[in-house]
Amino acid sequence: MKTEKPILSTGLPGLDNVLQGLRPGDNVVWEVDGIDDYLPLLDPICREALRRKQKLIYFRFARHAPLLDADSGAEIHRLDPQEGSSGF
């Protein structure tokens, strides 16, 4: 018998409709012109993960201001992009 994994939410019903459901382990990659294009998505996604008591992990390897801080509830990993992908 096949067990169906639960459908997750981005916290944004319209985006959930476009994606037609997320499952644990799915990856969603955003290509944006600037970080300001991504910021409106970040808060709802994080709030929904925390509401569902899901582990929220933030890999930080950019030079812009941090998107999440220690009070966000996220597990934060700071990576140095100068070291290349071997540190990942």
Protein backbone atom coordinates (compact mmCIF):
# COMPACT_ATOMS: atom_id res chain seq x y z
CA MET A 1 0.00 0.00 0.00
CA LYS A 2 1.38 3.40 -1.02
CA THR A 3 1.51 6.03 1.74
CA GLU A 4 0.87 9.58 0.57
CA LYS A 5 3.14 12.24 2.07
CA PRO A 6 1.34 15.27 3.52
CA ILE A 7 0.96 18.34 1.33
CA LEU A 8 2.80 21.35 2.76
CA SER A 9 2.03 25.03 2.33
CA THR A 10 4.06 28.10 1.46
CA GLY A 11 1.73 30.22 3.59
CA LEU A 12 0.53 31.89 0.40
CA PRO A 13 -2.66 30.25 -0.96
CA GLY A 14 -2.16 31.65 -4.48
CA LEU A 15 1.38 30.30 -4.67
CA ASP A 16 0.23 26.95 -3.25
CA ASN A 17 -2.33 26.80 -6.06
CA VAL A 18 0.32 27.49 -8.71
CA LEU A 19 2.72 24.90 -7.26
CA GLN A 20 -0.14 22.39 -6.81
CA GLY A 21 1.26 21.17 -3.53
CA LEU A 22 4.64 20.70 -1.92
CA ARG A 23 5.84 17.49 -0.35
CA PRO A 24 8.64 17.03 2.20
CA GLY A 25 11.95 17.08 0.34
CA ASP A 26 10.71 19.25 -2.54
CA ASN A 27 12.95 22.13 -3.55
CA VAL A 28 11.66 25.43 -4.90
CA VAL A 29 14.29 27.63 -6.52
CA TRP A 30 13.68 31.33 -7.14
CA GLU A 31 15.48 33.38 -9.74
CA VAL A 32 15.05 37.05 -8.89
CA ASP A 33 16.62 40.26 -10.14
CA GLY A 34 17.17 41.50 -6.60
CA ILE A 35 16.61 40.40 -3.02
CA ASP A 36 13.69 42.84 -2.70
CA ASP A 37 11.78 40.68 -5.20
CA TYR A 38 12.07 37.70 -2.84
CA LEU A 39 11.33 39.37 0.51
CA PRO A 40 7.50 39.35 0.19
CA LEU A 41 7.61 35.52 -0.02
CA LEU A 42 9.95 34.96 2.88
CA ASP A 43 7.80 35.90 5.87
CA PRO A 44 4.73 33.79 4.91
CA ILE A 45 6.89 30.76 4.13
CA CYS A 46 8.76 31.01 7.44
CA ARG A 47 5.61 31.65 9.49
CA GLU A 48 3.91 28.62 7.93
CA ALA A 49 6.88 26.35 8.62
CA LEU A 50 7.01 27.46 12.24
CA ARG A 51 3.22 27.17 12.60
CA ARG A 52 3.49 23.54 11.46
CA LYS A 53 6.42 23.01 13.84
CA GLN A 54 8.67 22.16 10.91
CA LYS A 55 12.40 22.65 11.10
CA LEU A 56 13.35 25.91 9.40
CA ILE A 57 16.95 26.04 8.15
CA TYR A 58 18.59 29.14 6.67
CA PHE A 59 21.83 28.72 4.75
CA ARG A 60 23.42 32.16 4.57
CA PHE A 61 26.15 32.63 1.99
CA ALA A 62 25.45 36.03 0.47
CA ARG A 63 26.80 39.51 1.08
CA HIS A 64 23.42 41.25 1.44
CA ALA A 65 21.88 41.87 4.86
CA PRO A 66 20.70 38.67 6.57
CA LEU A 67 17.14 37.65 5.67
CA LEU A 68 16.54 35.90 9.01
CA ASP A 69 17.99 36.60 12.42
CA ALA A 70 18.55 34.54 15.57
CA ASP A 71 15.03 35.41 16.79
CA SER A 72 13.37 34.00 13.65
CA GLY A 73 13.18 30.44 14.94
CA ALA A 74 15.41 29.26 12.10
CA GLU A 75 18.54 27.18 12.43
CA ILE A 76 21.11 29.44 10.74
CA HIS A 77 24.22 28.17 8.96
CA ARG A 78 26.70 30.79 7.76
CA LEU A 79 28.78 29.68 4.79
CA ASP A 80 31.66 31.50 3.12
CA PRO A 81 31.11 31.64 -0.65
CA GLN A 82 34.84 32.23 -1.12
CA GLU A 83 35.43 28.63 -0.03
CA GLY A 84 33.37 27.32 -2.94
CA SER A 85 30.79 24.56 -2.73
CA SER A 86 33.01 22.15 -0.79
CA GLY A 87 31.85 23.76 2.47
CA PHE A 88 28.23 22.98 1.66
